[in-house]
Protein backbone atom coordinates (compact mmCIF):
# COMPACT_ATOMS: atom_id res chain seq x y z
CA MET A 1 160.97 85.45 93.69
CA LYS A 2 164.42 84.71 94.35
CA ARG A 3 166.27 87.31 92.75
CA ALA A 4 168.08 83.91 90.90
CA ASP A 5 164.53 83.89 89.32
CA LEU A 6 164.00 86.90 88.93
CA ALA A 7 167.60 87.70 87.03
CA ARG A 8 165.88 84.55 84.42
CA TYR A 9 163.32 86.32 83.24
CA ALA A 10 165.00 89.50 83.14
CA ARG A 11 169.44 89.20 81.71
CA SER A 12 169.17 91.93 85.12
CA PRO A 13 167.37 92.41 87.95
CA LEU A 14 167.87 96.47 86.76
CA GLU A 15 166.98 95.58 83.01
CA VAL A 16 162.87 95.29 85.00
CA VAL A 17 163.54 98.35 87.31
CA ARG A 18 164.34 100.65 84.41
CA PHE A 19 161.59 99.13 82.37
CA LEU A 20 159.15 100.30 85.11
CA PHE A 21 161.03 103.45 85.35
CA HIS A 22 160.78 104.12 81.40
CA LEU A 23 156.57 102.37 81.64
CA PRO A 24 155.22 106.18 80.69
CA LYS A 25 157.20 106.00 77.40
CA MET A 26 156.87 102.96 77.19
CA ALA A 27 152.99 103.43 77.03
CA ILE A 28 153.36 105.73 74.29
CA LEU A 29 155.68 104.56 71.88
CA ILE A 30 153.33 100.86 72.20
CA HIS A 31 150.18 102.88 71.84
CA ARG A 32 152.34 103.90 68.86
CA LEU A 33 153.20 100.99 67.06
CA LEU A 34 149.35 99.57 68.05
CA GLN A 35 148.05 102.59 65.68
CA ASP A 36 150.68 100.87 62.92
CA LYS A 37 148.98 99.25 59.62
CA ARG A 38 152.78 98.08 59.14
CA VAL A 39 152.39 96.04 62.46
CA SER A 40 150.53 92.01 61.99
CA PHE A 41 147.64 92.04 64.04
CA LEU A 42 149.25 88.75 65.43
CA ALA A 43 151.66 91.18 67.32
CA LYS A 44 148.95 93.51 68.56
CA LEU A 45 147.62 91.09 70.08
CA ILE A 46 150.24 90.52 72.77
CA PRO A 47 149.52 93.71 74.64
CA LEU A 48 146.59 92.86 74.86
CA ALA A 49 147.70 89.30 76.12
CA ALA A 50 149.02 92.26 78.94
CA LEU A 51 145.65 93.53 79.59
CA LEU A 52 144.30 90.08 80.03
CA TYR A 53 146.34 89.02 82.68
CA VAL A 54 146.42 92.35 84.06
CA VAL A 55 143.11 92.36 84.68
CA LEU A 56 141.71 88.90 85.43
CA PRO A 57 140.79 88.49 88.52
CA PHE A 58 143.29 84.40 88.62
CA ASP A 59 146.60 84.00 87.86
CA LEU A 60 147.23 82.63 84.71
CA VAL A 61 150.46 81.82 85.58
CA ARG A 62 151.14 79.94 90.09
CA ASP A 63 152.66 82.13 92.02
CA PHE A 64 156.06 81.04 93.63
CA PRO A 65 156.34 79.16 96.86
CA VAL A 66 157.25 83.19 98.49
CA SER A 67 154.30 85.13 97.45
CA LEU A 68 156.48 88.82 96.82
CA GLY A 69 152.59 89.91 95.31
CA TYR A 70 153.49 91.92 92.25
CA VAL A 71 155.62 90.85 91.24
CA ASP A 72 154.90 87.82 89.01
CA ASP A 73 152.84 90.28 87.41
CA VAL A 74 155.40 93.23 86.48
CA VAL A 75 157.43 90.28 85.08
CA VAL A 76 155.02 88.43 82.48
CA VAL A 77 153.91 92.48 81.59
CA TYR A 78 157.27 92.99 81.16
CA LEU A 79 157.75 89.43 79.24
CA LEU A 80 155.00 90.39 76.76
CA MET A 81 156.15 93.78 75.93
CA LYS A 82 159.43 92.98 75.44
CA ALA A 83 157.97 89.90 73.01
CA PHE A 84 155.53 93.02 71.07
CA ILE A 85 158.15 95.08 70.60
CA ARG A 86 160.57 92.23 69.27
CA ALA A 87 157.31 91.33 66.96
CA CYS A 88 157.18 94.73 65.45
CA PRO A 89 159.30 95.69 62.66
CA PRO A 90 162.33 96.76 63.54
CA GLU A 91 162.25 100.28 61.46
CA VAL A 92 159.16 101.14 62.48
CA VAL A 93 159.98 100.93 66.36
CA GLN A 94 162.82 102.91 65.72
CA GLU A 95 160.58 105.82 63.47
CA HIS A 96 158.36 106.06 66.89
CA VAL A 97 161.90 105.76 68.85
CA ALA A 98 163.27 108.79 66.64
CA LYS A 99 159.75 110.86 66.07
CA LEU A 100 159.13 110.49 70.31
CA SER A 101 163.14 111.64 71.20
CA LEU A 102 162.05 114.48 68.62
CA GLN A 103 158.71 115.17 69.70
CA ARG A 104 160.66 116.03 73.44
CA LYS A 105 163.50 117.21 72.55
CA ARG A 106 161.20 119.75 71.29
CA SER A 107 159.37 120.59 74.51
CA SER A 108 162.38 120.57 77.01
């Protein structure tokens, strides 16, 4: 995948790198949002789709002419996680982010 192709999927390649850096925190946020009853069932199907995409033995999205291994998988998971957070009510996401920030400050 060329840099221009990656930029088409994210605002910048650095956005994907930031996503990977914050992946542990994002996993906790996503877990909390999945448990929240205020998040719709349809929105909760998005992380399930990402999990299935990763564990299925075949690619649903065709590799690009130049294969870079897992780069296309990372981009697809990134887009699905971004879609999940956007599908959640903003006030619920902000509430969980605030709680996680507070917990992190207490543990420091």
